[in-house]
Amino acid sequence: MPVYEEEPVERRVVAEPDRTNDGLAGYALVKYGFILAITIVILYFLANYVLNRF
């Protein structure tokens, strides 16, 4: 049986991800979520108004 020598293992310290912009991502998610919800509500009422006219 061949004997293998252990090769040196290079160990690197993994940097923590930058968490400083997480608040901005949450803010954008809430902002565009509200814009989407308001748009859907406006379209709903417009559709009811237009469809009830005929």
N, C-alpha and C. Protein backbone atom coordinates (compact mmCIF):
# COMPACT_ATOMS: atom_id res chain seq x y z
N MET A 1 0.83 -1.18 0.00
CA MET A 1 0.00 0.00 0.00
C MET A 1 0.88 1.25 0.00
N PRO A 2 0.56 2.20 -0.87
CA PRO A 2 1.37 3.42 -0.88
C PRO A 2 1.04 4.29 0.34
N VAL A 3 2.02 4.94 0.83
CA VAL A 3 1.84 5.86 1.96
C VAL A 3 1.87 7.28 1.41
N TYR A 4 0.81 8.01 1.67
CA TYR A 4 0.74 9.38 1.18
C TYR A 4 1.12 10.33 2.30
N GLU A 5 1.90 11.31 1.94
CA GLU A 5 2.24 12.34 2.92
C GLU A 5 1.09 13.34 2.99
N GLU A 6 0.86 13.84 4.15
CA GLU A 6 -0.19 14.85 4.30
C GLU A 6 0.28 16.16 3.70
N GLU A 7 -0.57 16.72 2.86
CA GLU A 7 -0.23 18.00 2.26
C GLU A 7 -0.68 19.11 3.21
N PRO A 8 0.06 20.19 3.25
CA PRO A 8 -0.36 21.29 4.13
C PRO A 8 -1.68 21.89 3.63
N VAL A 9 -2.52 22.20 4.57
CA VAL A 9 -3.83 22.76 4.25
C VAL A 9 -3.79 24.26 4.53
N GLU A 10 -4.14 25.02 3.52
CA GLU A 10 -4.15 26.47 3.69
C GLU A 10 -5.49 26.88 4.29
N ARG A 11 -5.44 27.54 5.40
CA ARG A 11 -6.67 27.97 6.06
C ARG A 11 -6.76 29.49 5.96
N ARG A 12 -7.89 29.93 5.43
CA ARG A 12 -8.12 31.36 5.30
C ARG A 12 -9.29 31.76 6.18
N VAL A 13 -9.21 32.94 6.72
CA VAL A 13 -10.31 33.48 7.52
C VAL A 13 -11.33 34.08 6.56
N VAL A 14 -12.56 33.62 6.67
CA VAL A 14 -13.62 34.13 5.81
C VAL A 14 -14.20 35.38 6.45
N ALA A 15 -14.23 36.45 5.68
CA ALA A 15 -14.75 37.71 6.20
C ALA A 15 -16.27 37.64 6.31
N GLU A 16 -16.79 38.27 7.32
CA GLU A 16 -18.24 38.35 7.48
C GLU A 16 -18.81 39.23 6.38
N PRO A 17 -19.99 38.89 5.86
CA PRO A 17 -20.60 39.75 4.84
C PRO A 17 -20.97 41.11 5.42
N ASP A 18 -20.93 42.11 4.56
CA ASP A 18 -21.23 43.47 4.99
C ASP A 18 -22.73 43.60 5.23
N ARG A 19 -23.11 43.87 6.44
CA ARG A 19 -24.53 43.95 6.81
C ARG A 19 -25.01 45.40 6.95
N THR A 20 -24.24 46.35 6.46
CA THR A 20 -24.63 47.75 6.68
C THR A 20 -25.79 48.18 5.81
N ASN A 21 -26.04 47.52 4.68
CA ASN A 21 -27.10 47.94 3.77
C ASN A 21 -28.36 47.12 3.90
N ASP A 22 -28.47 46.25 4.90
CA ASP A 22 -29.67 45.44 5.06
C ASP A 22 -30.90 46.30 5.36
N GLY A 23 -30.72 47.38 6.06
CA GLY A 23 -31.83 48.26 6.35
C GLY A 23 -32.39 48.90 5.10
N LEU A 24 -31.52 49.24 4.16
CA LEU A 24 -31.97 49.86 2.92
C LEU A 24 -32.75 48.87 2.07
N ALA A 25 -32.34 47.62 2.08
CA ALA A 25 -33.06 46.60 1.30
C ALA A 25 -34.45 46.38 1.88
N GLY A 26 -34.56 46.35 3.20
CA GLY A 26 -35.86 46.21 3.83
C GLY A 26 -36.75 47.42 3.56
N TYR A 27 -36.15 48.60 3.57
CA TYR A 27 -36.89 49.82 3.28
C TYR A 27 -37.43 49.79 1.86
N ALA A 28 -36.60 49.37 0.91
CA ALA A 28 -37.02 49.31 -0.49
C ALA A 28 -38.13 48.28 -0.67
N LEU A 29 -38.01 47.15 0.01
CA LEU A 29 -39.03 46.11 -0.08
C LEU A 29 -40.38 46.62 0.42
N VAL A 30 -40.39 47.31 1.53
CA VAL A 30 -41.63 47.85 2.08
C VAL A 30 -42.17 48.95 1.17
N LYS A 31 -41.28 49.82 0.70
CA LYS A 31 -41.70 50.93 -0.15
C LYS A 31 -42.38 50.43 -1.42
N TYR A 32 -41.73 49.53 -2.14
CA TYR A 32 -42.30 49.05 -3.40
C TYR A 32 -43.48 48.11 -3.16
N GLY A 33 -43.51 47.46 -2.03
CA GLY A 33 -44.67 46.65 -1.68
C GLY A 33 -45.91 47.51 -1.50
N PHE A 34 -45.76 48.65 -0.82
CA PHE A 34 -46.88 49.56 -0.65
C PHE A 34 -47.31 50.17 -1.98
N ILE A 35 -46.34 50.52 -2.81
CA ILE A 35 -46.68 51.06 -4.14
C ILE A 35 -47.47 50.04 -4.93
N LEU A 36 -47.05 48.78 -4.89
CA LEU A 36 -47.77 47.72 -5.60
C LEU A 36 -49.18 47.54 -5.04
N ALA A 37 -49.32 47.55 -3.73
CA ALA A 37 -50.64 47.37 -3.11
C ALA A 37 -51.57 48.52 -3.47
N ILE A 38 -51.07 49.75 -3.43
CA ILE A 38 -51.90 50.91 -3.77
C ILE A 38 -52.31 50.86 -5.23
N THR A 39 -51.40 50.45 -6.11
CA THR A 39 -51.72 50.32 -7.54
C THR A 39 -52.81 49.28 -7.76
N ILE A 40 -52.72 48.16 -7.08
CA ILE A 40 -53.73 47.11 -7.23
C ILE A 40 -55.09 47.60 -6.74
N VAL A 41 -55.11 48.31 -5.63
CA VAL A 41 -56.37 48.83 -5.09
C VAL A 41 -56.98 49.84 -6.06
N ILE A 42 -56.18 50.74 -6.61
CA ILE A 42 -56.68 51.73 -7.56
C ILE A 42 -57.24 51.04 -8.80
N LEU A 43 -56.51 50.06 -9.33
CA LEU A 43 -56.99 49.34 -10.51
C LEU A 43 -58.28 48.57 -10.20
N TYR A 44 -58.40 48.03 -9.01
CA TYR A 44 -59.61 47.31 -8.61
C TYR A 44 -60.82 48.24 -8.62
N PHE A 45 -60.66 49.42 -8.00
CA PHE A 45 -61.79 50.35 -7.96
C PHE A 45 -62.10 50.91 -9.34
N LEU A 46 -61.10 51.15 -10.16
CA LEU A 46 -61.36 51.60 -11.52
C LEU A 46 -62.09 50.53 -12.33
N ALA A 47 -61.69 49.28 -12.17
CA ALA A 47 -62.35 48.20 -12.89
C ALA A 47 -63.79 48.07 -12.44
N ASN A 48 -64.06 48.17 -11.16
CA ASN A 48 -65.45 48.10 -10.66
C ASN A 48 -66.27 49.27 -11.20
N TYR A 49 -65.68 50.44 -11.25
CA TYR A 49 -66.39 51.61 -11.73
C TYR A 49 -66.72 51.47 -13.22
N VAL A 50 -65.74 51.04 -14.01
CA VAL A 50 -65.93 50.91 -15.46
C VAL A 50 -66.89 49.78 -15.77
N LEU A 51 -66.75 48.65 -15.10
CA LEU A 51 -67.62 47.51 -15.38
C LEU A 51 -69.06 47.74 -14.93
N ASN A 52 -69.26 48.54 -13.89
CA ASN A 52 -70.61 48.83 -13.42
C ASN A 52 -71.32 49.84 -14.30
N ARG A 53 -70.57 50.57 -15.10
CA ARG A 53 -71.18 51.56 -15.99
C ARG A 53 -71.88 50.88 -17.17
N PHE A 54 -71.48 49.68 -17.53
CA PHE A 54 -72.05 49.01 -18.72
C PHE A 54 -73.14 48.06 -18.32
